[in-house]
């Protein structure tokens, strides 16, 4: 009988331990549940990376906007200088800036840059308008696809955009492009050009230089 009483007490003590608050706390304690799922942990996951990506995108867009403002400044310089040439030089009064080297002389160019392909008539005019518009769109797309760190390409695209837009504006408004910058050395005269032509040539040079430089790097690697 004493063995039976001892077994009963052992079962009673075991049940008390199972139902005790301390044991229940180990099973479902709030601290334990918090380790499994915490609102703080959920909110923290990925937020710094997301914020950093958004901040980088804003900085990249702002940097591109600065290049676009620079392109706008070149475009306005081109249009202002052409308006000055029309008012001042159109009557035939050329102005010598540097004797034997630089002269401002008014010229109307219905063709492409530096007075080329002038005999196209109305068809040639609108063909060049469409061609210039397509070129501007292509440069703009390339501009936004270029990485933020590639300043030379972004600058080249800004110059190309300014130059294309400047001459395109002339063709739409006047049917021809106003040229007035004349470089010469002795008897040799460079074809008359304008600020937009200079921007296009500079941008194209920078773009070609970068392409050749990257091609050389890839061959060396």
C-alpha atoms as a PDB file:
ATOM      1  CA  UNK A   1       0.000   0.000   0.000  1.00  0.00           C
ATOM      2  CA  UNK A   2       2.883   2.424   0.721  1.00  0.00           C
ATOM      3  CA  UNK A   3       4.224   1.852  -2.788  1.00  0.00           C
ATOM      4  CA  UNK A   4       0.806   2.713  -4.234  1.00  0.00           C
ATOM      5  CA  UNK A   5       0.660   5.916  -2.175  1.00  0.00           C
ATOM      6  CA  UNK A   6       4.153   6.878  -3.323  1.00  0.00           C
ATOM      7  CA  UNK A   7       3.198   6.364  -6.995  1.00  0.00           C
ATOM      8  CA  UNK A   8       0.092   8.491  -6.573  1.00  0.00           C
ATOM      9  CA  UNK A   9       2.103  11.327  -5.018  1.00  0.00           C
ATOM     10  CA  UNK A  10       4.622  11.158  -7.901  1.00  0.00           C
ATOM     11  CA  UNK A  11       1.834  11.448 -10.512  1.00  0.00           C
ATOM     12  CA  UNK A  12       0.313  14.371  -8.599  1.00  0.00           C
ATOM     13  CA  UNK A  13       3.655  16.223  -8.471  1.00  0.00           C
ATOM     14  CA  UNK A  14       4.189  15.653 -12.200  1.00  0.00           C
ATOM     15  CA  UNK A  15       0.789  17.098 -13.046  1.00  0.00           C
ATOM     16  CA  UNK A  16       1.481  20.131 -10.821  1.00  0.00           C
ATOM     17  CA  UNK A  17       4.748  20.792 -12.646  1.00  0.00           C
ATOM     18  CA  UNK A  18       3.045  20.617 -16.029  1.00  0.00           C
ATOM     19  CA  UNK A  19       0.254  22.995 -15.006  1.00  0.00           C
ATOM     20  CA  UNK A  20       2.472  25.405 -13.070  1.00  0.00           C
ATOM     21  CA  UNK A  21       2.717  29.068 -14.325  1.00  0.00           C
ATOM     22  CA  UNK A  22       6.480  28.792 -14.731  1.00  0.00           C
ATOM     23  CA  UNK A  23       6.170  25.855 -17.087  1.00  0.00           C
ATOM     24  CA  UNK A  24       3.330  27.497 -19.016  1.00  0.00           C
ATOM     25  CA  UNK A  25       5.491  30.620 -19.392  1.00  0.00           C
ATOM     26  CA  UNK A  26       8.239  28.611 -21.031  1.00  0.00           C
ATOM     27  CA  UNK A  27       5.758  27.332 -23.609  1.00  0.00           C
ATOM     28  CA  UNK A  28       3.858  30.463 -24.570  1.00  0.00           C
ATOM     29  CA  UNK A  29       5.681  33.377 -22.935  1.00  0.00           C
ATOM     30  CA  UNK A  30       5.306  36.718 -24.762  1.00  0.00           C
ATOM     31  CA  UNK A  31       9.069  37.123 -24.945  1.00  0.00           C
ATOM     32  CA  UNK A  32       9.327  33.797 -26.731  1.00  0.00           C
ATOM     33  CA  UNK A  33       6.542  34.750 -29.108  1.00  0.00           C
ATOM     34  CA  UNK A  34       8.272  38.070 -29.810  1.00  0.00           C
ATOM     35  CA  UNK A  35      11.370  36.251 -30.969  1.00  0.00           C
ATOM     36  CA  UNK A  36       9.321  34.408 -33.524  1.00  0.00           C
ATOM     37  CA  UNK A  37       7.551  37.396 -35.062  1.00  0.00           C
ATOM     38  CA  UNK A  38       8.319  41.015 -34.208  1.00  0.00           C
ATOM     39  CA  UNK A  39       6.744  44.013 -35.930  1.00  0.00           C
ATOM     40  CA  UNK A  40       9.982  45.958 -35.429  1.00  0.00           C
ATOM     41  CA  UNK A  41      12.011  43.287 -37.181  1.00  0.00           C
ATOM     42  CA  UNK A  42       9.515  43.116 -40.029  1.00  0.00           C
ATOM     43  CA  UNK A  43       9.619  46.856 -40.600  1.00  0.00           C
ATOM     44  CA  UNK A  44      13.407  46.999 -40.469  1.00  0.00           C
ATOM     45  CA  UNK A  45      13.958  44.321 -43.102  1.00  0.00           C
ATOM     46  CA  UNK A  46      14.923  45.941 -46.425  1.00  0.00           C
ATOM     47  CA  UNK A  47      14.073  49.536 -45.450  1.00  0.00           C
ATOM     48  CA  UNK A  48      17.666  50.924 -45.476  1.00  0.00           C
ATOM     49  CA  UNK A  49      18.350  49.345 -48.862  1.00  0.00           C
ATOM     50  CA  UNK A  50      15.072  50.661 -50.259  1.00  0.00           C
ATOM     51  CA  UNK A  51      15.722  54.151 -48.925  1.00  0.00           C
ATOM     52  CA  UNK A  52      19.254  54.112 -50.314  1.00  0.00           C
ATOM     53  CA  UNK A  53      18.042  53.048 -53.751  1.00  0.00           C
ATOM     54  CA  UNK A  54      15.391  55.769 -53.807  1.00  0.00           C
ATOM     55  CA  UNK A  55      17.917  58.385 -52.684  1.00  0.00           C
ATOM     56  CA  UNK A  56      20.376  57.278 -55.360  1.00  0.00           C
ATOM     57  CA  UNK A  57      17.689  57.463 -58.039  1.00  0.00           C
ATOM     58  CA  UNK A  58      16.790  61.002 -56.959  1.00  0.00           C
ATOM     59  CA  UNK A  59      20.437  62.085 -56.997  1.00  0.00           C
ATOM     60  CA  UNK A  60      20.941  60.527 -60.439  1.00  0.00           C
ATOM     61  CA  UNK A  61      17.872  62.291 -61.818  1.00  0.00           C
ATOM     62  CA  UNK A  62      19.016  65.592 -60.332  1.00  0.00           C
ATOM     63  CA  UNK A  63      22.451  65.203 -61.916  1.00  0.00           C
ATOM     64  CA  UNK A  64      20.879  64.522 -65.315  1.00  0.00           C
ATOM     65  CA  UNK A  65      18.661  67.571 -64.865  1.00  0.00           C
ATOM     66  CA  UNK A  66      21.820  69.662 -64.405  1.00  0.00           C
ATOM     67  CA  UNK A  67      23.109  68.440 -67.765  1.00  0.00           C
ATOM     68  CA  UNK A  68      19.751  69.202 -69.368  1.00  0.00           C
ATOM     69  CA  UNK A  69      19.880  72.740 -67.952  1.00  0.00           C
ATOM     70  CA  UNK A  70      23.363  73.090 -69.445  1.00  0.00           C
ATOM     71  CA  UNK A  71      21.966  71.914 -72.796  1.00  0.00           C
ATOM     72  CA  UNK A  72      19.199  74.522 -72.486  1.00  0.00           C
ATOM     73  CA  UNK A  73      21.813  77.221 -71.831  1.00  0.00           C
ATOM     74  CA  UNK A  74      23.743  76.246 -74.998  1.00  0.00           C
ATOM     75  CA  UNK A  75      20.484  76.200 -76.974  1.00  0.00           C
ATOM     76  CA  UNK A  76      19.565  79.711 -75.766  1.00  0.00           C
ATOM     77  CA  UNK A  77      23.087  80.948 -76.575  1.00  0.00           C
ATOM     78  CA  UNK A  78      22.722  79.565 -80.094  1.00  0.00           C
ATOM     79  CA  UNK A  79      19.320  81.170 -80.669  1.00  0.00           C
ATOM     80  CA  UNK A  80      20.408  84.508 -79.163  1.00  0.00           C
ATOM     81  CA  UNK A  81      23.560  84.653 -81.286  1.00  0.00           C
ATOM     82  CA  UNK A  82      21.565  83.844 -84.431  1.00  0.00           C
ATOM     83  CA  UNK A  83      19.048  86.584 -83.644  1.00  0.00           C
ATOM     84  CA  UNK A  84      21.964  89.003 -83.231  1.00  0.00           C
ATOM     85  CA  UNK A  85      23.429  87.868 -86.570  1.00  0.00           C
ATOM     86  CA  UNK A  86      20.112  88.428 -88.345  1.00  0.00           C
ATOM     87  CA  UNK A  87      19.770  91.965 -86.937  1.00  0.00           C
ATOM     88  CA  UNK A  88      23.402  92.986 -87.324  1.00  0.00           C
ATOM     89  CA  UNK A  89      24.997  91.058 -90.186  1.00  0.00           C
ATOM     90  CA  UNK A  90      22.133  90.332 -92.576  1.00  0.00           C
ATOM     91  CA  UNK A  91      22.602  93.592 -94.462  1.00  0.00           C
ATOM     92  CA  UNK A  92      26.092  92.476 -95.473  1.00  0.00           C
ATOM     93  CA  UNK A  93      28.130  94.275 -92.837  1.00  0.00           C
ATOM     94  CA  UNK A  94      30.666  91.609 -91.892  1.00  0.00           C
ATOM     95  CA  UNK A  95      32.628  92.030 -88.693  1.00  0.00           C
ATOM     96  CA  UNK A  96      36.244  91.041 -88.323  1.00  0.00           C
ATOM     97  CA  UNK A  97      36.908  89.673 -84.830  1.00  0.00           C
ATOM     98  CA  UNK A  98      40.482  88.408 -85.283  1.00  0.00           C
ATOM     99  CA  UNK A  99      42.259  89.676 -88.375  1.00  0.00           C
ATOM    100  CA  UNK A 100      43.090  86.857 -90.755  1.00  0.00           C
ATOM    101  CA  UNK A 101      41.386  84.215 -88.581  1.00  0.00           C
ATOM    102  CA  UNK A 102      37.827  84.920 -87.371  1.00  0.00           C
ATOM    103  CA  UNK A 103      35.042  86.897 -89.054  1.00  0.00           C
ATOM    104  CA  UNK A 104      31.308  87.140 -88.407  1.00  0.00           C
ATOM    105  CA  UNK A 105      29.514  86.958 -91.767  1.00  0.00           C
ATOM    106  CA  UNK A 106      25.810  86.198 -92.282  1.00  0.00           C
ATOM    107  CA  UNK A 107      24.816  83.101 -94.298  1.00  0.00           C
ATOM    108  CA  UNK A 108      21.651  81.042 -94.769  1.00  0.00           C
ATOM    109  CA  UNK A 109      22.111  77.292 -94.989  1.00  0.00           C
ATOM    110  CA  UNK A 110      19.180  75.102 -96.121  1.00  0.00           C
ATOM    111  CA  UNK A 111      21.388  72.004 -95.961  1.00  0.00           C
ATOM    112  CA  UNK A 112      23.169  70.232 -93.151  1.00  0.00           C
ATOM    113  CA  UNK A 113      26.047  71.431 -91.000  1.00  0.00           C
ATOM    114  CA  UNK A 114      28.800  73.571 -92.539  1.00  0.00           C
ATOM    115  CA  UNK A 115      26.766  74.348 -95.659  1.00  0.00           C
ATOM    116  CA  UNK A 116      26.599  70.793 -97.046  1.00  0.00           C
ATOM    117  CA  UNK A 117      23.700  69.282 -99.078  1.00  0.00           C
ATOM    118  CA  UNK A 118      21.924  72.553 -99.839  1.00  0.00           C
ATOM    119  CA  UNK A 119      20.035  71.608-102.997  1.00  0.00           C
ATOM    120  CA  UNK A 120      17.138  69.602-101.561  1.00  0.00           C
ATOM    121  CA  UNK A 121      14.287  72.109-101.834  1.00  0.00           C
ATOM    122  CA  UNK A 122      11.144  71.643 -99.758  1.00  0.00           C
ATOM    123  CA  UNK A 123      11.579  67.882 -99.635  1.00  0.00           C
ATOM    124  CA  UNK A 124      15.132  68.250 -98.384  1.00  0.00           C
ATOM    125  CA  UNK A 125      13.998  70.710 -95.712  1.00  0.00           C
ATOM    126  CA  UNK A 126      11.367  68.409 -94.212  1.00  0.00           C
ATOM    127  CA  UNK A 127      13.560  65.362 -94.633  1.00  0.00           C
ATOM    128  CA  UNK A 128      16.219  67.071 -92.538  1.00  0.00           C
ATOM    129  CA  UNK A 129      13.566  68.128 -89.995  1.00  0.00           C
ATOM    130  CA  UNK A 130      12.425  64.521 -89.542  1.00  0.00           C
ATOM    131  CA  UNK A 131      16.007  63.281 -89.452  1.00  0.00           C
ATOM    132  CA  UNK A 132      16.974  65.864 -86.804  1.00  0.00           C
ATOM    133  CA  UNK A 133      13.906  65.039 -84.682  1.00  0.00           C
ATOM    134  CA  UNK A 134      14.737  61.323 -84.779  1.00  0.00           C
ATOM    135  CA  UNK A 135      18.344  62.059 -83.864  1.00  0.00           C
ATOM    136  CA  UNK A 136      17.229  64.195 -80.904  1.00  0.00           C
ATOM    137  CA  UNK A 137      14.978  61.407 -79.599  1.00  0.00           C
ATOM    138  CA  UNK A 138      17.766  58.821 -79.995  1.00  0.00           C
ATOM    139  CA  UNK A 139      20.263  61.011 -78.118  1.00  0.00           C
ATOM    140  CA  UNK A 140      17.717  61.678 -75.354  1.00  0.00           C
ATOM    141  CA  UNK A 141      17.049  57.947 -74.884  1.00  0.00           C
ATOM    142  CA  UNK A 142      20.776  57.240 -74.804  1.00  0.00           C
ATOM    143  CA  UNK A 143      21.214  60.083 -72.316  1.00  0.00           C
ATOM    144  CA  UNK A 144      18.764  58.570 -69.816  1.00  0.00           C
ATOM    145  CA  UNK A 145      20.212  55.070 -70.247  1.00  0.00           C
ATOM    146  CA  UNK A 146      23.772  56.212 -69.589  1.00  0.00           C
ATOM    147  CA  UNK A 147      25.048  55.513 -66.037  1.00  0.00           C
ATOM    148  CA  UNK A 148      25.191  58.481 -63.706  1.00  0.00           C
ATOM    149  CA  UNK A 149      28.966  58.120 -63.254  1.00  0.00           C
ATOM    150  CA  UNK A 150      29.785  58.549 -66.972  1.00  0.00           C
ATOM    151  CA  UNK A 151      30.044  62.341 -67.062  1.00  0.00           C
ATOM    152  CA  UNK A 152      31.780  62.494 -70.429  1.00  0.00           C
ATOM    153  CA  UNK A 153      28.934  60.675 -72.171  1.00  0.00           C
ATOM    154  CA  UNK A 154      26.298  62.754 -70.372  1.00  0.00           C
ATOM    155  CA  UNK A 155      28.092  65.960 -71.375  1.00  0.00           C
ATOM    156  CA  UNK A 156      28.413  64.789 -74.973  1.00  0.00           C
ATOM    157  CA  UNK A 157      24.694  63.974 -75.116  1.00  0.00           C
ATOM    158  CA  UNK A 158      23.824  67.387 -73.651  1.00  0.00           C
ATOM    159  CA  UNK A 159      25.884  69.148 -76.331  1.00  0.00           C
ATOM    160  CA  UNK A 160      24.363  67.021 -79.093  1.00  0.00           C
ATOM    161  CA  UNK A 161      20.844  67.740 -77.840  1.00  0.00           C
ATOM    162  CA  UNK A 162      21.503  71.489 -77.691  1.00  0.00           C
ATOM    163  CA  UNK A 163      22.988  71.593 -81.178  1.00  0.00           C
ATOM    164  CA  UNK A 164      20.342  69.428 -82.818  1.00  0.00           C
ATOM    165  CA  UNK A 165      17.544  71.404 -81.150  1.00  0.00           C
ATOM    166  CA  UNK A 166      19.106  74.727 -82.180  1.00  0.00           C
ATOM    167  CA  UNK A 167      19.331  73.910 -85.885  1.00  0.00           C
ATOM    168  CA  UNK A 168      15.991  72.089 -85.829  1.00  0.00           C
ATOM    169  CA  UNK A 169      14.333  75.238 -84.455  1.00  0.00           C
ATOM    170  CA  UNK A 170      15.778  77.251 -87.358  1.00  0.00           C
ATOM    171  CA  UNK A 171      14.493  74.794 -89.950  1.00  0.00           C
ATOM    172  CA  UNK A 172      10.996  74.794 -88.473  1.00  0.00           C
ATOM    173  CA  UNK A 173      10.818  78.603 -88.104  1.00  0.00           C
ATOM    174  CA  UNK A 174      12.784  79.843 -91.121  1.00  0.00           C
ATOM    175  CA  UNK A 175      13.227  76.943 -93.507  1.00  0.00           C
ATOM    176  CA  UNK A 176      17.017  77.318 -93.241  1.00  0.00           C
ATOM    177  CA  UNK A 177      19.774  77.482 -90.640  1.00  0.00           C
ATOM    178  CA  UNK A 178      21.460  80.785 -89.808  1.00  0.00           C
ATOM    179  CA  UNK A 179      25.281  80.600 -89.940  1.00  0.00           C
ATOM    180  CA  UNK A 180      27.626  83.464 -89.141  1.00  0.00           C
ATOM    181  CA  UNK A 181      30.963  82.180 -87.764  1.00  0.00           C
ATOM    182  CA  UNK A 182      33.681  82.135 -90.421  1.00  0.00           C
ATOM    183  CA  UNK A 183      37.157  80.779 -89.684  1.00  0.00           C
ATOM    184  CA  UNK A 184      39.923  81.328 -92.224  1.00  0.00           C
ATOM    185  CA  UNK A 185      43.685  81.053 -92.480  1.00  0.00           C
ATOM    186  CA  UNK A 186      45.231  82.790 -95.442  1.00  0.00           C
ATOM    187  CA  UNK A 187      43.235  81.842 -98.527  1.00  0.00           C
ATOM    188  CA  UNK A 188      41.559  78.849 -96.846  1.00  0.00           C
ATOM    189  CA  UNK A 189      38.052  79.438 -95.456  1.00  0.00           C
ATOM    190  CA  UNK A 190      36.313  76.931 -93.234  1.00  0.00           C
ATOM    191  CA  UNK A 191      32.582  76.596 -94.093  1.00  0.00           C
ATOM    192  CA  UNK A 192      30.460  79.084 -92.134  1.00  0.00           C
ATOM    193  CA  UNK A 193      28.867  77.581 -89.021  1.00  0.00           C
ATOM    194  CA  UNK A 194      27.073  78.544 -85.811  1.00  0.00           C
ATOM    195  CA  UNK A 195      27.034  77.733 -82.080  1.00  0.00           C
ATOM    196  CA  UNK A 196      24.767  74.711 -82.642  1.00  0.00           C
ATOM    197  CA  UNK A 197      27.193  73.245 -85.191  1.00  0.00           C
ATOM    198  CA  UNK A 198      30.067  73.719 -82.737  1.00  0.00           C
ATOM    199  CA  UNK A 199      28.067  71.964 -79.996  1.00  0.00           C
ATOM    200  CA  UNK A 200      27.235  69.039 -82.299  1.00  0.00           C
ATOM    201  CA  UNK A 201      30.872  68.603 -83.370  1.00  0.00           C
ATOM    202  CA  UNK A 202      32.167  68.813 -79.797  1.00  0.00           C
ATOM    203  CA  UNK A 203      29.551  66.342 -78.538  1.00  0.00           C
ATOM    204  CA  UNK A 204      30.242  63.929 -81.399  1.00  0.00           C
ATOM    205  CA  UNK A 205      34.000  64.157 -80.734  1.00  0.00           C
ATOM    206  CA  UNK A 206      33.549  63.384 -77.018  1.00  0.00           C
ATOM    207  CA  UNK A 207      31.238  60.472 -77.826  1.00  0.00           C
ATOM    208  CA  UNK A 208      33.622  59.009 -80.404  1.00  0.00           C
ATOM    209  CA  UNK A 209      36.561  59.459 -78.017  1.00  0.00           C
ATOM    210  CA  UNK A 210      34.735  57.575 -75.261  1.00  0.00           C
ATOM    211  CA  UNK A 211      33.726  54.744 -77.608  1.00  0.00           C
ATOM    212  CA  UNK A 212      37.330  54.336 -78.825  1.00  0.00           C
ATOM    213  CA  UNK A 213      38.650  54.516 -75.252  1.00  0.00           C
ATOM    214  CA  UNK A 214      36.230  51.851 -74.007  1.00  0.00           C
ATOM    215  CA  UNK A 215      37.026  49.652 -77.008  1.00  0.00           C
ATOM    216  CA  UNK A 216      40.730  49.869 -76.234  1.00  0.00           C
ATOM    217  CA  UNK A 217      40.106  48.984 -72.591  1.00  0.00           C
ATOM    218  CA  UNK A 218      38.031  45.955 -73.540  1.00  0.00           C
ATOM    219  CA  UNK A 219      40.731  44.677 -75.903  1.00  0.00           C
ATOM    220  CA  UNK A 220      43.425  45.085 -73.247  1.00  0.00           C
ATOM    221  CA  UNK A 221      41.378  43.202 -70.673  1.00  0.00           C
END
